[in-house]
Amino acid sequence: LCAGSLQIFGPVMQILKFRTIEEVIERANDSKYGLAAAVFTRDLDKANFVSQSLRAGTVWINCYDVFGAQAPFGGYKASGNGRELGEYGLEAYVEVKNVSIPAAKAFP
């Protein structure tokens, strides 16, 4: 079993040899988990490409374990459903209702 396929917390891909960024992304996404990921790079375009390609609920760029109360937090795949924090975190506490009234028949 490859360490990259488990739900582990810590640096993984930088200790595994790779030839391309696409290979790293494929390995990272080849897991049933997807809570969070961190990308360290000096190349902003590469950071954006990787962060959009990863199937993780949170991606940190050049930092790790940084949370803002306004930002949603939660995982993809088997790492959880729903979100905590931010506006999305409120969805667990509200119910949405749609009421439709035909305009022509609304009120005499």
C-alpha atoms as a PDB file:
ATOM      1  CA  LEU A   1       0.000   0.000   0.000  1.00  0.00           C
ATOM      2  CA  CYS A   2       1.404   3.386  -0.978  1.00  0.00           C
ATOM      3  CA  ALA A   3       1.419   6.015   1.777  1.00  0.00           C
ATOM      4  CA  GLY A   4      -0.200   8.387  -0.687  1.00  0.00           C
ATOM      5  CA  SER A   5      -3.375   6.261  -0.769  1.00  0.00           C
ATOM      6  CA  LEU A   6      -4.033   6.463   2.982  1.00  0.00           C
ATOM      7  CA  GLN A   7      -5.596   9.313   4.920  1.00  0.00           C
ATOM      8  CA  ILE A   8      -2.391  10.565   6.473  1.00  0.00           C
ATOM      9  CA  PHE A   9      -1.419  13.993   7.681  1.00  0.00           C
ATOM     10  CA  GLY A  10       1.985  15.324   6.747  1.00  0.00           C
ATOM     11  CA  PRO A  11       4.332  15.729   3.796  1.00  0.00           C
ATOM     12  CA  VAL A  12       4.039  12.887   1.313  1.00  0.00           C
ATOM     13  CA  MET A  13       4.607  13.805  -2.325  1.00  0.00           C
ATOM     14  CA  GLN A  14       7.879  15.618  -1.736  1.00  0.00           C
ATOM     15  CA  ILE A  15       9.431  12.405  -0.429  1.00  0.00           C
ATOM     16  CA  LEU A  16       8.203  10.376  -3.409  1.00  0.00           C
ATOM     17  CA  LYS A  17      10.000  10.733  -6.725  1.00  0.00           C
ATOM     18  CA  PHE A  18       8.015  12.150  -9.625  1.00  0.00           C
ATOM     19  CA  ARG A  19       8.655  13.380 -13.166  1.00  0.00           C
ATOM     20  CA  THR A  20       5.727  15.738 -13.786  1.00  0.00           C
ATOM     21  CA  ILE A  21       3.247  17.838 -11.828  1.00  0.00           C
ATOM     22  CA  GLU A  22       0.450  15.858 -13.487  1.00  0.00           C
ATOM     23  CA  GLU A  23       1.892  12.686 -11.944  1.00  0.00           C
ATOM     24  CA  VAL A  24       1.813  14.291  -8.485  1.00  0.00           C
ATOM     25  CA  ILE A  25      -1.805  15.382  -8.978  1.00  0.00           C
ATOM     26  CA  GLU A  26      -2.806  11.928 -10.193  1.00  0.00           C
ATOM     27  CA  ARG A  27      -1.217  10.294  -7.136  1.00  0.00           C
ATOM     28  CA  ALA A  28      -2.808  12.765  -4.754  1.00  0.00           C
ATOM     29  CA  ASN A  29      -6.244  12.250  -6.293  1.00  0.00           C
ATOM     30  CA  ASP A  30      -5.845   8.448  -6.377  1.00  0.00           C
ATOM     31  CA  SER A  31      -7.201   8.116  -2.862  1.00  0.00           C
ATOM     32  CA  LYS A  32     -10.657   7.725  -1.409  1.00  0.00           C
ATOM     33  CA  TYR A  33      -9.853  10.671   0.860  1.00  0.00           C
ATOM     34  CA  GLY A  34      -9.675  14.395   0.152  1.00  0.00           C
ATOM     35  CA  LEU A  35      -9.695  16.505   3.298  1.00  0.00           C
ATOM     36  CA  ALA A  36      -6.855  18.938   2.666  1.00  0.00           C
ATOM     37  CA  ALA A  37      -3.623  19.504   0.779  1.00  0.00           C
ATOM     38  CA  ALA A  38      -0.741  21.943   0.870  1.00  0.00           C
ATOM     39  CA  VAL A  39       1.304  23.176  -2.084  1.00  0.00           C
ATOM     40  CA  PHE A  40       4.636  24.908  -1.614  1.00  0.00           C
ATOM     41  CA  THR A  41       6.016  26.680  -4.670  1.00  0.00           C
ATOM     42  CA  ARG A  42       7.369  30.003  -5.911  1.00  0.00           C
ATOM     43  CA  ASP A  43       5.303  29.726  -9.098  1.00  0.00           C
ATOM     44  CA  LEU A  44       1.814  31.216  -8.648  1.00  0.00           C
ATOM     45  CA  ASP A  45       0.546  29.786 -11.950  1.00  0.00           C
ATOM     46  CA  LYS A  46       1.658  26.309 -10.893  1.00  0.00           C
ATOM     47  CA  ALA A  47       0.044  26.789  -7.469  1.00  0.00           C
ATOM     48  CA  ASN A  48      -3.265  27.741  -9.106  1.00  0.00           C
ATOM     49  CA  PHE A  49      -3.105  24.825 -11.546  1.00  0.00           C
ATOM     50  CA  VAL A  50      -2.385  22.288  -8.817  1.00  0.00           C
ATOM     51  CA  SER A  51      -4.949  23.681  -6.369  1.00  0.00           C
ATOM     52  CA  GLN A  52      -7.714  23.553  -8.995  1.00  0.00           C
ATOM     53  CA  SER A  53      -6.714  20.013 -10.010  1.00  0.00           C
ATOM     54  CA  LEU A  54      -6.649  18.497  -6.523  1.00  0.00           C
ATOM     55  CA  ARG A  55      -9.805  16.791  -5.238  1.00  0.00           C
ATOM     56  CA  ALA A  56      -9.460  18.181  -1.721  1.00  0.00           C
ATOM     57  CA  GLY A  57     -11.828  20.341   0.273  1.00  0.00           C
ATOM     58  CA  THR A  58      -9.089  22.726   1.393  1.00  0.00           C
ATOM     59  CA  VAL A  59      -5.834  23.590  -0.363  1.00  0.00           C
ATOM     60  CA  TRP A  60      -3.239  25.744   1.359  1.00  0.00           C
ATOM     61  CA  ILE A  61      -0.630  27.532  -0.766  1.00  0.00           C
ATOM     62  CA  ASN A  62       2.741  28.145   0.913  1.00  0.00           C
ATOM     63  CA  CYS A  63       1.198  27.636   4.354  1.00  0.00           C
ATOM     64  CA  TYR A  64      -0.460  24.853   6.326  1.00  0.00           C
ATOM     65  CA  ASP A  65      -3.289  24.535   8.833  1.00  0.00           C
ATOM     66  CA  VAL A  66      -4.507  28.120   8.387  1.00  0.00           C
ATOM     67  CA  PHE A  67      -8.226  28.681   8.952  1.00  0.00           C
ATOM     68  CA  GLY A  68     -10.440  31.723   8.643  1.00  0.00           C
ATOM     69  CA  ALA A  69     -13.893  31.704  10.233  1.00  0.00           C
ATOM     70  CA  GLN A  70     -15.359  33.061   6.996  1.00  0.00           C
ATOM     71  CA  ALA A  71     -13.875  30.264   4.852  1.00  0.00           C
ATOM     72  CA  PRO A  72     -15.688  26.916   4.527  1.00  0.00           C
ATOM     73  CA  PHE A  73     -13.816  23.819   5.708  1.00  0.00           C
ATOM     74  CA  GLY A  74     -14.621  20.217   4.831  1.00  0.00           C
ATOM     75  CA  GLY A  75     -13.396  17.305   2.791  1.00  0.00           C
ATOM     76  CA  TYR A  76     -14.133  15.650  -0.516  1.00  0.00           C
ATOM     77  CA  LYS A  77     -14.852  11.962  -1.049  1.00  0.00           C
ATOM     78  CA  ALA A  78     -14.600   9.804   2.135  1.00  0.00           C
ATOM     79  CA  SER A  79     -13.139  12.681   4.127  1.00  0.00           C
ATOM     80  CA  GLY A  80     -16.570  13.984   4.951  1.00  0.00           C
ATOM     81  CA  ASN A  81     -19.582  15.707   3.580  1.00  0.00           C
ATOM     82  CA  GLY A  82     -20.867  19.146   4.312  1.00  0.00           C
ATOM     83  CA  ARG A  83     -18.842  22.131   5.419  1.00  0.00           C
ATOM     84  CA  GLU A  84     -17.981  23.778   8.685  1.00  0.00           C
ATOM     85  CA  LEU A  85     -17.324  27.488   9.073  1.00  0.00           C
ATOM     86  CA  GLY A  86     -18.283  30.238   6.672  1.00  0.00           C
ATOM     87  CA  GLU A  87     -21.626  30.674   4.970  1.00  0.00           C
ATOM     88  CA  TYR A  88     -21.687  27.022   3.849  1.00  0.00           C
ATOM     89  CA  GLY A  89     -21.390  25.925   7.480  1.00  0.00           C
ATOM     90  CA  LEU A  90     -24.739  27.548   8.247  1.00  0.00           C
ATOM     91  CA  GLU A  91     -26.571  25.270   5.805  1.00  0.00           C
ATOM     92  CA  ALA A  92     -26.768  22.496   8.411  1.00  0.00           C
ATOM     93  CA  TYR A  93     -28.850  24.783  10.619  1.00  0.00           C
ATOM     94  CA  VAL A  94     -31.340  26.200   8.127  1.00  0.00           C
ATOM     95  CA  GLU A  95     -34.127  24.828   5.971  1.00  0.00           C
ATOM     96  CA  VAL A  96     -34.937  26.371   2.630  1.00  0.00           C
ATOM     97  CA  LYS A  97     -38.519  26.690   1.459  1.00  0.00           C
ATOM     98  CA  ASN A  98     -39.887  27.780  -1.902  1.00  0.00           C
ATOM     99  CA  VAL A  99     -43.364  29.337  -2.003  1.00  0.00           C
ATOM    100  CA  SER A 100     -44.909  30.033  -5.428  1.00  0.00           C
ATOM    101  CA  ILE A 101     -48.012  32.145  -6.000  1.00  0.00           C
ATOM    102  CA  PRO A 102     -49.237  32.791  -9.553  1.00  0.00           C
ATOM    103  CA  ALA A 103     -49.172  36.577  -9.977  1.00  0.00           C
ATOM    104  CA  ALA A 104     -52.537  36.790 -11.775  1.00  0.00           C
ATOM    105  CA  LYS A 105     -54.343  34.777  -9.102  1.00  0.00           C
ATOM    106  CA  ALA A 106     -52.433  35.951  -6.060  1.00  0.00           C
ATOM    107  CA  PHE A 107     -54.910  38.339  -4.510  1.00  0.00           C
ATOM    108  CA  PRO A 108     -58.311  39.564  -5.763  1.00  0.00           C
END
